[in-house]
Each structure stands twice: as C-alpha cells, then as structure tokens.
Amino acid sequence: MNQLEWQKSSFSGGGEGECVELANGAAGHVHLRESDRPTEITTVAPGALYELLRTLKADDAPTLRG
C-alpha cells in the first residue's frame, strides 16, 4: 500500500493508543485504523462508511455489544 496520510479523528480520546485514524486511498476508498494497531487497516467505500456513521448516530441505532 502506498504511503498514506493519516488523520486522527476529532472524536478520538486524548490519550495515546486511543485514536481512530483515517486516510484517503485509491479509487476514492477510505482507510481506517486504530493508532495502537497501525498495521491493521480496514478499507471501505465512502458510501458504506457514511451509512455506518448515519446508523450509529440515529436514535434508533442498535446497541453494539462486544
């Protein structure tokens, strides 16, 4: 993967290892990673990321359990 320019999410916590980072990729895709695991990268289409964020922000979004 070419050198990507990672940007920290403005919603991430202030501590080390608590950051979600995003980078623009080829063909308009968006790359996501956690700063404490920089080699584990997820790639998504912008529309899919938008729908995920829209669903999570919605009042009726299901609770995620881990």
PDB file of N, CA and C in Angstrom:
ATOM      1  N   MET A   1       0.857  -1.177   0.000  1.00  0.00           N
ATOM      2  CA  MET A   1       0.000   0.000   0.000  1.00  0.00           C
ATOM      3  C   MET A   1       0.896   1.231   0.000  1.00  0.00           C
ATOM      4  N   ASN A   2       0.594   2.187  -0.867  1.00  0.00           N
ATOM      5  CA  ASN A   2       1.383   3.413  -0.938  1.00  0.00           C
ATOM      6  C   ASN A   2       1.333   4.155   0.387  1.00  0.00           C
ATOM      7  N   GLN A   3       2.258   5.086   0.542  1.00  0.00           N
ATOM      8  CA  GLN A   3       2.299   5.908   1.748  1.00  0.00           C
ATOM      9  C   GLN A   3       0.990   6.683   1.874  1.00  0.00           C
ATOM     10  N   LEU A   4       0.297   6.508   2.981  1.00  0.00           N
ATOM     11  CA  LEU A   4      -0.965   7.193   3.212  1.00  0.00           C
ATOM     12  C   LEU A   4      -0.766   8.325   4.206  1.00  0.00           C
ATOM     13  N   GLU A   5      -1.551   9.371   4.068  1.00  0.00           N
ATOM     14  CA  GLU A   5      -1.519  10.480   5.012  1.00  0.00           C
ATOM     15  C   GLU A   5      -2.670  10.286   5.991  1.00  0.00           C
ATOM     16  N   TRP A   6      -2.336   9.830   7.207  1.00  0.00           N
ATOM     17  CA  TRP A   6      -3.334   9.517   8.215  1.00  0.00           C
ATOM     18  C   TRP A   6      -3.740  10.769   8.981  1.00  0.00           C
ATOM     19  N   GLN A   7      -5.037  10.868   9.263  1.00  0.00           N
ATOM     20  CA  GLN A   7      -5.572  11.973  10.053  1.00  0.00           C
ATOM     21  C   GLN A   7      -6.303  11.388  11.250  1.00  0.00           C
ATOM     22  N   LYS A   8      -6.040  11.932  12.417  1.00  0.00           N
ATOM     23  CA  LYS A   8      -6.708  11.492  13.642  1.00  0.00           C
ATOM     24  C   LYS A   8      -8.134  12.037  13.649  1.00  0.00           C
ATOM     25  N   SER A   9      -9.066  11.187  14.020  1.00  0.00           N
ATOM     26  CA  SER A   9     -10.450  11.615  14.138  1.00  0.00           C
ATOM     27  C   SER A   9     -10.585  12.641  15.258  1.00  0.00           C
ATOM     28  N   SER A  10     -11.376  13.665  15.031  1.00  0.00           N
ATOM     29  CA  SER A  10     -11.596  14.687  16.063  1.00  0.00           C
ATOM     30  C   SER A  10     -12.422  14.149  17.221  1.00  0.00           C
ATOM     31  N   PHE A  11     -13.006  12.969  17.073  1.00  0.00           N
ATOM     32  CA  PHE A  11     -13.809  12.368  18.137  1.00  0.00           C
ATOM     33  C   PHE A  11     -13.024  11.371  18.978  1.00  0.00           C
ATOM     34  N   SER A  12     -11.748  11.186  18.681  1.00  0.00           N
ATOM     35  CA  SER A  12     -10.923  10.246  19.440  1.00  0.00           C
ATOM     36  C   SER A  12     -10.544  10.833  20.792  1.00  0.00           C
ATOM     37  N   GLY A  13     -10.269   9.947  21.737  1.00  0.00           N
ATOM     38  CA  GLY A  13      -9.823  10.394  23.051  1.00  0.00           C
ATOM     39  C   GLY A  13      -8.458  11.037  22.976  1.00  0.00           C
ATOM     40  N   GLY A  14      -8.059  11.703  24.038  1.00  0.00           N
ATOM     41  CA  GLY A  14      -6.808  12.428  24.038  1.00  0.00           C
ATOM     42  C   GLY A  14      -5.594  11.593  24.362  1.00  0.00           C
ATOM     43  N   GLY A  15      -5.768  10.380  24.886  1.00  0.00           N
ATOM     44  CA  GLY A  15      -4.636   9.565  25.306  1.00  0.00           C
ATOM     45  C   GLY A  15      -3.954   8.844  24.163  1.00  0.00           C
ATOM     46  N   GLU A  16      -2.777   8.343  24.437  1.00  0.00           N
ATOM     47  CA  GLU A  16      -2.048   7.551  23.457  1.00  0.00           C
ATOM     48  C   GLU A  16      -2.764   6.220  23.221  1.00  0.00           C
ATOM     49  N   GLY A  17      -2.787   5.758  21.978  1.00  0.00           N
ATOM     50  CA  GLY A  17      -3.384   4.470  21.662  1.00  0.00           C
ATOM     51  C   GLY A  17      -4.895   4.448  21.678  1.00  0.00           C
ATOM     52  N   GLU A  18      -5.513   5.613  21.688  1.00  0.00           N
ATOM     53  CA  GLU A  18      -6.970   5.683  21.717  1.00  0.00           C
ATOM     54  C   GLU A  18      -7.519   6.430  20.513  1.00  0.00           C
ATOM     55  N   CYS A  19      -6.825   6.395  19.399  1.00  0.00           N
ATOM     56  CA  CYS A  19      -7.182   7.219  18.259  1.00  0.00           C
ATOM     57  C   CYS A  19      -7.654   6.388  17.074  1.00  0.00           C
ATOM     58  N   VAL A  20      -8.719   6.845  16.461  1.00  0.00           N
ATOM     59  CA  VAL A  20      -9.139   6.308  15.180  1.00  0.00           C
ATOM     60  C   VAL A  20      -8.545   7.236  14.136  1.00  0.00           C
ATOM     61  N   GLU A  21      -7.892   6.646  13.133  1.00  0.00           N
ATOM     62  CA  GLU A  21      -7.255   7.430  12.091  1.00  0.00           C
ATOM     63  C   GLU A  21      -7.841   7.050  10.738  1.00  0.00           C
ATOM     64  N   LEU A  22      -7.940   8.028   9.845  1.00  0.00           N
ATOM     65  CA  LEU A  22      -8.481   7.830   8.511  1.00  0.00           C
ATOM     66  C   LEU A  22      -7.501   8.348   7.477  1.00  0.00           C
ATOM     67  N   ALA A  23      -7.533   7.740   6.285  1.00  0.00           N
ATOM     68  CA  ALA A  23      -6.711   8.195   5.162  1.00  0.00           C
ATOM     69  C   ALA A  23      -7.472   7.958   3.869  1.00  0.00           C
ATOM     70  N   ASN A  24      -7.321   8.870   2.910  1.00  0.00           N
ATOM     71  CA  ASN A  24      -7.898   8.689   1.583  1.00  0.00           C
ATOM     72  C   ASN A  24      -7.039   7.713   0.805  1.00  0.00           C
ATOM     73  N   GLY A  25      -7.696   6.851   0.049  1.00  0.00           N
ATOM     74  CA  GLY A  25      -6.966   5.863  -0.728  1.00  0.00           C
ATOM     75  C   GLY A  25      -7.303   5.937  -2.201  1.00  0.00           C
ATOM     76  N   ALA A  26      -6.774   4.998  -2.937  1.00  0.00           N
ATOM     77  CA  ALA A  26      -7.027   4.921  -4.373  1.00  0.00           C
ATOM     78  C   ALA A  26      -8.498   4.632  -4.647  1.00  0.00           C
ATOM     79  N   ALA A  27      -8.952   5.069  -5.776  1.00  0.00           N
ATOM     80  CA  ALA A  27     -10.334   4.840  -6.231  1.00  0.00           C
ATOM     81  C   ALA A  27     -11.365   5.385  -5.257  1.00  0.00           C
ATOM     82  N   GLY A  28     -10.973   6.405  -4.464  1.00  0.00           N
ATOM     83  CA  GLY A  28     -11.911   7.052  -3.564  1.00  0.00           C
ATOM     84  C   GLY A  28     -12.218   6.294  -2.294  1.00  0.00           C
ATOM     85  N   HIS A  29     -11.529   5.212  -2.021  1.00  0.00           N
ATOM     86  CA  HIS A  29     -11.777   4.445  -0.808  1.00  0.00           C
ATOM     87  C   HIS A  29     -11.200   5.148   0.421  1.00  0.00           C
ATOM     88  N   VAL A  30     -11.723   4.800   1.577  1.00  0.00           N
ATOM     89  CA  VAL A  30     -11.270   5.360   2.847  1.00  0.00           C
ATOM     90  C   VAL A  30     -10.642   4.229   3.658  1.00  0.00           C
ATOM     91  N   HIS A  31      -9.479   4.491   4.233  1.00  0.00           N
ATOM     92  CA  HIS A  31      -8.780   3.520   5.073  1.00  0.00           C
ATOM     93  C   HIS A  31      -8.948   3.940   6.529  1.00  0.00           C
ATOM     94  N   LEU A  32      -9.181   2.967   7.401  1.00  0.00           N
ATOM     95  CA  LEU A  32      -9.361   3.213   8.834  1.00  0.00           C
ATOM     96  C   LEU A  32      -8.412   2.323   9.620  1.00  0.00           C
ATOM     97  N   ARG A  33      -7.923   2.840  10.736  1.00  0.00           N
ATOM     98  CA  ARG A  33      -7.095   2.039  11.634  1.00  0.00           C
ATOM     99  C   ARG A  33      -7.146   2.647  13.031  1.00  0.00           C
ATOM    100  N   GLU A  34      -6.754   1.848  14.002  1.00  0.00           N
ATOM    101  CA  GLU A  34      -6.565   2.337  15.366  1.00  0.00           C
ATOM    102  C   GLU A  34      -5.088   2.643  15.528  1.00  0.00           C
ATOM    103  N   SER A  35      -4.775   3.726  16.214  1.00  0.00           N
ATOM    104  CA  SER A  35      -3.378   4.137  16.313  1.00  0.00           C
ATOM    105  C   SER A  35      -2.512   3.122  17.048  1.00  0.00           C
ATOM    106  N   ASP A  36      -3.090   2.327  17.932  1.00  0.00           N
ATOM    107  CA  ASP A  36      -2.292   1.331  18.644  1.00  0.00           C
ATOM    108  C   ASP A  36      -2.112   0.043  17.839  1.00  0.00           C
ATOM    109  N   ARG A  37      -2.730  -0.055  16.655  1.00  0.00           N
ATOM    110  CA  ARG A  37      -2.580  -1.201  15.750  1.00  0.00           C
ATOM    111  C   ARG A  37      -2.431  -0.689  14.315  1.00  0.00           C
ATOM    112  N   PRO A  38      -1.344   0.017  14.030  1.00  0.00           N
ATOM    113  CA  PRO A  38      -1.219   0.699  12.737  1.00  0.00           C
ATOM    114  C   PRO A  38      -1.115  -0.209  11.524  1.00  0.00           C
ATOM    115  N   THR A  39      -0.819  -1.485  11.696  1.00  0.00           N
ATOM    116  CA  THR A  39      -0.716  -2.375  10.537  1.00  0.00           C
ATOM    117  C   THR A  39      -2.044  -3.043  10.190  1.00  0.00           C
ATOM    118  N   GLU A  40      -3.045  -2.908  11.049  1.00  0.00           N
ATOM    119  CA  GLU A  40      -4.370  -3.484  10.794  1.00  0.00           C
ATOM    120  C   GLU A  40      -5.258  -2.396  10.210  1.00  0.00           C
ATOM    121  N   ILE A  41      -5.454  -2.452   8.906  1.00  0.00           N
ATOM    122  CA  ILE A  41      -6.163  -1.400   8.178  1.00  0.00           C
ATOM    123  C   ILE A  41      -7.424  -1.972   7.547  1.00  0.00           C
ATOM    124  N   THR A  42      -8.517  -1.272   7.697  1.00  0.00           N
ATOM    125  CA  THR A  42      -9.779  -1.623   7.057  1.00  0.00           C
ATOM    126  C   THR A  42     -10.041  -0.618   5.949  1.00  0.00           C
ATOM    127  N   THR A  43     -10.458  -1.094   4.797  1.00  0.00           N
ATOM    128  CA  THR A  43     -10.732  -0.221   3.654  1.00  0.00           C
ATOM    129  C   THR A  43     -12.210  -0.319   3.308  1.00  0.00           C
ATOM    130  N   VAL A  44     -12.842   0.846   3.159  1.00  0.00           N
ATOM    131  CA  VAL A  44     -14.273   0.888   2.862  1.00  0.00           C
ATOM    132  C   VAL A  44     -14.549   1.926   1.779  1.00  0.00           C
ATOM    133  N   ALA A  45     -15.682   1.749   1.122  1.00  0.00           N
ATOM    134  CA  ALA A  45     -16.162   2.758   0.183  1.00  0.00           C
ATOM    135  C   ALA A  45     -16.777   3.900   0.986  1.00  0.00           C
ATOM    136  N   PRO A  46     -16.652   5.135   0.518  1.00  0.00           N
ATOM    137  CA  PRO A  46     -17.199   6.267   1.264  1.00  0.00           C
ATOM    138  C   PRO A  46     -18.690   6.133   1.575  1.00  0.00           C
ATOM    139  N   GLY A  47     -19.452   5.608   0.651  1.00  0.00           N
ATOM    140  CA  GLY A  47     -20.890   5.457   0.881  1.00  0.00           C
ATOM    141  C   GLY A  47     -21.198   4.498   2.016  1.00  0.00           C
ATOM    142  N   ALA A  48     -20.437   3.412   2.103  1.00  0.00           N
ATOM    143  CA  ALA A  48     -20.636   2.441   3.180  1.00  0.00           C
ATOM    144  C   ALA A  48     -20.275   3.050   4.524  1.00  0.00           C
ATOM    145  N   LEU A  49     -19.193   3.821   4.575  1.00  0.00           N
ATOM    146  CA  LEU A  49     -18.797   4.485   5.818  1.00  0.00           C
ATOM    147  C   LEU A  49     -19.849   5.507   6.233  1.00  0.00           C
ATOM    148  N   TYR A  50     -20.375   6.249   5.276  1.00  0.00           N
ATOM    149  CA  TYR A  50     -21.431   7.217   5.564  1.00  0.00           C
ATOM    150  C   TYR A  50     -22.654   6.523   6.172  1.00  0.00           C
ATOM    151  N   GLU A  51     -23.071   5.412   5.578  1.00  0.00           N
ATOM    152  CA  GLU A  51     -24.251   4.701   6.090  1.00  0.00           C
ATOM    153  C   GLU A  51     -24.008   4.151   7.493  1.00  0.00           C
ATOM    154  N   LEU A  52     -22.808   3.643   7.756  1.00  0.00           N
ATOM    155  CA  LEU A  52     -22.483   3.164   9.098  1.00  0.00           C
ATOM    156  C   LEU A  52     -22.570   4.303  10.099  1.00  0.00           C
ATOM    157  N   LEU A  53     -21.945   5.427   9.801  1.00  0.00           N
ATOM    158  CA  LEU A  53     -21.971   6.567  10.729  1.00  0.00           C
ATOM    159  C   LEU A  53     -23.383   7.112  10.916  1.00  0.00           C
ATOM    160  N   ARG A  54     -24.147   7.163   9.832  1.00  0.00           N
ATOM    161  CA  ARG A  54     -25.530   7.642   9.918  1.00  0.00           C
ATOM    162  C   ARG A  54     -26.360   6.734  10.825  1.00  0.00           C
ATOM    163  N   THR A  55     -26.179   5.432  10.682  1.00  0.00           N
ATOM    164  CA  THR A  55     -26.910   4.473  11.512  1.00  0.00           C
ATOM    165  C   THR A  55     -26.510   4.590  12.970  1.00  0.00           C
ATOM    166  N   LEU A  56     -25.209   4.716  13.230  1.00  0.00           N
ATOM    167  CA  LEU A  56     -24.745   4.811  14.612  1.00  0.00           C
ATOM    168  C   LEU A  56     -25.213   6.089  15.293  1.00  0.00           C
ATOM    169  N   LYS A  57     -25.392   7.166  14.525  1.00  0.00           N
ATOM    170  CA  LYS A  57     -25.840   8.435  15.088  1.00  0.00           C
ATOM    171  C   LYS A  57     -27.350   8.471  15.282  1.00  0.00           C
ATOM    172  N   ALA A  58     -28.088   7.609  14.606  1.00  0.00           N
ATOM    173  CA  ALA A  58     -29.545   7.618  14.657  1.00  0.00           C
ATOM    174  C   ALA A  58     -30.038   7.246  16.058  1.00  0.00           C
ATOM    175  N   ASP A  59     -31.154   7.804  16.441  1.00  0.00           N
ATOM    176  CA  ASP A  59     -31.726   7.498  17.751  1.00  0.00           C
ATOM    177  C   ASP A  59     -32.103   6.042  17.910  1.00  0.00           C
ATOM    178  N   ASP A  60     -32.441   5.388  16.817  1.00  0.00           N
ATOM    179  CA  ASP A  60     -32.891   4.000  16.891  1.00  0.00           C
ATOM    180  C   ASP A  60     -31.769   3.005  16.576  1.00  0.00           C
ATOM    181  N   ALA A  61     -30.523   3.456  16.608  1.00  0.00           N
ATOM    182  CA  ALA A  61     -29.410   2.558  16.314  1.00  0.00           C
ATOM    183  C   ALA A  61     -29.317   1.472  17.373  1.00  0.00           C
ATOM    184  N   PRO A  62     -29.091   0.229  16.955  1.00  0.00           N
ATOM    185  CA  PRO A  62     -28.960  -0.861  17.938  1.00  0.00           C
ATOM    186  C   PRO A  62     -27.700  -0.691  18.786  1.00  0.00           C
ATOM    187  N   THR A  63     -27.732  -1.168  19.989  1.00  0.00           N
ATOM    188  CA  THR A  63     -26.575  -1.111  20.874  1.00  0.00           C
ATOM    189  C   THR A  63     -25.583  -2.172  20.461  1.00  0.00           C
ATOM    190  N   LEU A  64     -24.326  -1.779  20.316  1.00  0.00           N
ATOM    191  CA  LEU A  64     -23.276  -2.735  19.968  1.00  0.00           C
ATOM    192  C   LEU A  64     -22.757  -3.370  21.249  1.00  0.00           C
ATOM    193  N   ARG A  65     -22.639  -4.674  21.246  1.00  0.00           N
ATOM    194  CA  ARG A  65     -22.138  -5.391  22.433  1.00  0.00           C
ATOM    195  C   ARG A  65     -20.935  -6.202  22.028  1.00  0.00           C
ATOM    196  N   GLY A  66     -19.885  -6.157  22.844  1.00  0.00           N
ATOM    197  CA  GLY A  66     -18.675  -6.878  22.489  1.00  0.00           C
ATOM    198  C   GLY A  66     -18.276  -7.875  23.508  1.00  0.00           C
TER     199      GLY A  66
END
